[in-house]
N, C-alpha and C. Protein backbone atom coordinates (compact mmCIF):
# COMPACT_ATOMS: atom_id res chain seq x y z
N MET A 1 -48.99 -81.06 -201.86
CA MET A 1 -48.96 -79.97 -200.83
C MET A 1 -48.22 -80.57 -199.45
N ALA A 2 -47.17 -79.23 -198.72
CA ALA A 2 -46.68 -79.39 -198.00
C ALA A 2 -47.45 -78.99 -196.75
N LYS A 3 -47.07 -80.16 -195.79
CA LYS A 3 -47.77 -79.39 -194.15
C LYS A 3 -47.36 -78.45 -193.57
N ARG A 4 -47.93 -77.62 -193.15
CA ARG A 4 -47.78 -76.75 -192.29
C ARG A 4 -47.17 -76.69 -190.93
N LYS A 5 -46.31 -76.47 -190.69
CA LYS A 5 -45.83 -76.74 -188.96
C LYS A 5 -46.72 -75.72 -188.11
N LYS A 6 -47.43 -76.33 -187.13
CA LYS A 6 -48.43 -75.88 -185.99
C LYS A 6 -47.60 -74.71 -185.23
N ALA A 7 -47.88 -73.61 -184.95
CA ALA A 7 -47.36 -72.83 -184.11
C ALA A 7 -47.51 -73.24 -182.58
N LYS A 8 -46.21 -73.21 -181.85
CA LYS A 8 -46.21 -73.58 -180.50
C LYS A 8 -47.07 -72.68 -179.82
N GLN A 9 -47.97 -73.23 -179.17
CA GLN A 9 -48.74 -72.70 -178.01
C GLN A 9 -48.47 -72.03 -176.40
N PRO A 10 -48.09 -70.79 -176.23
CA PRO A 10 -47.36 -70.64 -175.03
C PRO A 10 -47.97 -71.26 -173.90
N LYS A 11 -47.24 -71.72 -173.19
CA LYS A 11 -48.16 -72.49 -171.73
C LYS A 11 -48.72 -71.63 -170.96
N LEU A 12 -49.28 -71.95 -170.40
CA LEU A 12 -49.77 -70.88 -169.19
C LEU A 12 -49.44 -70.98 -168.18
N GLN A 13 -49.26 -69.83 -167.54
CA GLN A 13 -48.72 -69.91 -166.45
C GLN A 13 -49.89 -69.78 -165.01
N ILE A 14 -49.67 -70.35 -164.00
CA ILE A 14 -50.29 -70.57 -162.72
C ILE A 14 -50.17 -69.62 -162.16
N THR A 15 -51.06 -68.65 -162.28
CA THR A 15 -50.98 -67.36 -161.13
C THR A 15 -51.00 -67.66 -159.59
N PRO A 16 -50.69 -67.22 -158.58
CA PRO A 16 -50.72 -67.51 -157.42
C PRO A 16 -52.11 -66.89 -157.15
N ARG A 17 -52.73 -67.63 -156.09
CA ARG A 17 -54.22 -67.16 -155.90
C ARG A 17 -54.07 -65.88 -154.51
N ASN A 18 -54.65 -65.38 -154.51
CA ASN A 18 -54.93 -64.31 -153.49
C ASN A 18 -55.44 -65.52 -152.21
N PRO A 19 -54.52 -65.46 -150.61
CA PRO A 19 -54.97 -66.38 -149.99
C PRO A 19 -55.91 -65.51 -148.83
N PHE A 20 -56.39 -64.29 -148.93
CA PHE A 20 -57.02 -63.66 -148.33
C PHE A 20 -58.74 -63.66 -148.86
N ALA A 21 -59.02 -64.09 -150.41
CA ALA A 21 -60.07 -64.31 -151.08
C ALA A 21 -60.90 -65.46 -150.39
N THR A 22 -60.01 -66.62 -150.35
CA THR A 22 -60.33 -67.99 -150.12
C THR A 22 -60.21 -68.12 -148.38
N ASP A 23 -60.00 -66.95 -147.34
CA ASP A 23 -59.97 -67.27 -146.31
C ASP A 23 -61.47 -67.64 -145.92
N PRO A 24 -61.66 -68.49 -144.81
CA PRO A 24 -62.83 -69.05 -144.23
C PRO A 24 -63.56 -67.97 -143.56
N LEU A 25 -63.16 -66.86 -142.75
CA LEU A 25 -63.85 -65.89 -142.45
C LEU A 25 -64.15 -64.81 -143.26
N MET A 26 -63.71 -65.26 -144.63
CA MET A 26 -64.33 -64.35 -145.23
C MET A 26 -65.79 -64.61 -146.15
N LYS A 27 -66.17 -66.30 -145.95
CA LYS A 27 -67.21 -66.79 -146.20
C LYS A 27 -68.77 -66.28 -145.09
N LYS A 28 -68.14 -65.31 -144.37
CA LYS A 28 -68.82 -65.14 -143.23
C LYS A 28 -69.96 -63.63 -143.94
N GLY A 29 -69.68 -63.17 -144.85
CA GLY A 29 -70.21 -62.05 -145.35
C GLY A 29 -71.55 -62.48 -146.05
N GLY A 30 -72.42 -61.23 -146.33
CA GLY A 30 -73.60 -61.46 -146.80
C GLY A 30 -74.60 -60.05 -146.37
N VAL A 31 -75.90 -60.32 -146.06
CA VAL A 31 -76.86 -59.04 -145.72
C VAL A 31 -75.96 -58.25 -144.57
N HIS A 32 -75.63 -57.07 -145.08
CA HIS A 32 -75.02 -55.88 -143.85
C HIS A 32 -76.50 -55.85 -142.95
N GLN A 33 -76.42 -55.72 -141.72
CA GLN A 33 -77.57 -55.38 -140.84
C GLN A 33 -77.14 -54.10 -140.04
N LYS A 34 -77.66 -53.43 -139.57
CA LYS A 34 -77.33 -52.12 -138.69
C LYS A 34 -76.54 -52.74 -137.42
N THR A 35 -75.69 -51.93 -136.85
CA THR A 35 -75.13 -52.34 -135.40
C THR A 35 -75.80 -52.13 -134.55
N PHE A 36 -75.90 -52.68 -133.65
CA PHE A 36 -76.58 -52.77 -132.22
C PHE A 36 -76.70 -50.77 -131.65
N LYS A 37 -75.53 -50.45 -132.14
CA LYS A 37 -75.31 -48.76 -131.47
C LYS A 37 -76.25 -48.42 -132.09
N SER A 38 -76.05 -48.72 -133.46
CA SER A 38 -77.12 -47.61 -134.47
C SER A 38 -78.79 -47.85 -133.93
N GLN A 39 -79.13 -49.37 -133.90
CA GLN A 39 -80.26 -49.75 -133.28
C GLN A 39 -80.87 -48.89 -132.28
N ARG A 40 -79.86 -48.71 -131.28
CA ARG A 40 -80.14 -48.66 -130.04
C ARG A 40 -80.63 -46.88 -129.94
N LYS A 41 -79.11 -46.03 -130.94
CA LYS A 41 -79.70 -44.98 -131.23
C LYS A 41 -81.01 -44.31 -131.76
N ASN A 42 -81.17 -45.00 -132.86
CA ASN A 42 -82.68 -44.62 -133.33
C ASN A 42 -83.50 -44.94 -132.80
N SER A 43 -83.51 -45.96 -131.69
CA SER A 43 -84.67 -46.38 -130.64
C SER A 43 -84.83 -45.07 -129.64
N LYS A 44 -83.56 -44.65 -129.44
CA LYS A 44 -83.67 -43.28 -128.18
C LYS A 44 -84.21 -42.01 -129.06
N ASN A 45 -83.79 -42.08 -130.22
CA ASN A 45 -84.24 -40.82 -131.14
C ASN A 45 -85.43 -40.83 -131.46
N ALA A 46 -86.27 -42.15 -131.27
CA ALA A 46 -87.51 -41.86 -131.53
C ALA A 46 -88.40 -41.98 -130.47
N LEU A 47 -88.03 -42.25 -128.99
CA LEU A 47 -88.69 -41.94 -127.75
C LEU A 47 -88.48 -40.52 -127.71
N ARG A 48 -86.99 -39.90 -127.99
CA ARG A 48 -87.35 -38.28 -127.85
C ARG A 48 -88.26 -37.62 -128.24
N LYS A 49 -88.45 -38.32 -129.54
CA LYS A 49 -89.24 -37.32 -130.57
C LYS A 49 -90.59 -37.46 -130.03
N GLN A 50 -91.01 -38.67 -129.61
CA GLN A 50 -92.46 -38.95 -128.84
C GLN A 50 -92.69 -37.81 -127.47
N ILE A 51 -91.76 -38.24 -126.93
CA ILE A 51 -91.58 -37.10 -125.52
C ILE A 51 -92.04 -35.59 -125.69
N ALA A 52 -91.22 -35.30 -127.05
CA ALA A 52 -91.33 -33.70 -127.86
C ALA A 52 -92.60 -33.67 -128.09
N GLU A 53 -93.25 -34.45 -128.62
CA GLU A 53 -94.57 -34.43 -129.15
C GLU A 53 -95.52 -34.08 -128.31
N HIS A 54 -95.46 -35.00 -127.18
CA HIS A 54 -96.33 -35.21 -126.05
C HIS A 54 -96.09 -33.97 -125.72
N SER A 55 -95.13 -33.34 -125.16
CA SER A 55 -95.00 -32.33 -124.35
C SER A 55 -95.57 -31.19 -124.85
N ILE A 56 -95.37 -31.04 -126.52
CA ILE A 56 -95.87 -29.62 -126.94
C ILE A 56 -97.15 -30.19 -126.85
N LEU A 57 -97.90 -30.54 -127.37
CA LEU A 57 -99.08 -30.96 -127.11
C LEU A 57 -99.83 -30.73 -125.57
N ARG A 58 -99.33 -30.90 -124.42
CA ARG A 58 -99.42 -30.67 -123.24
C ARG A 58 -99.87 -28.97 -123.06
N PHE A 59 -98.57 -28.56 -123.75
CA PHE A 59 -98.55 -27.00 -123.63
C PHE A 59 -99.66 -26.30 -124.14
N PHE A 60 -100.00 -27.20 -125.19
CA PHE A 60 -100.99 -26.25 -125.64
C PHE A 60 -102.26 -26.66 -125.79
N GLY A 61 -102.29 -27.58 -124.33
CA GLY A 61 -103.73 -28.23 -123.83
C GLY A 61 -104.31 -29.13 -125.13
N PHE A 62 -103.67 -29.99 -125.54
CA PHE A 62 -104.59 -30.90 -126.19
C PHE A 62 -104.40 -32.51 -125.81
């Protein structure tokens, strides 16, 4: 039997990497938290609700 020639495999080309994906600043990612501004806004809204509730109760004599 005659030996068959092996088909040449194409060489893999090295693709350029994304420099932004390996940026050290990108490693700081993780769990997202509410911003300080939104936390402050939520606390102000909660205070306003408490004041409104208290003033309604005083209006009706409770």
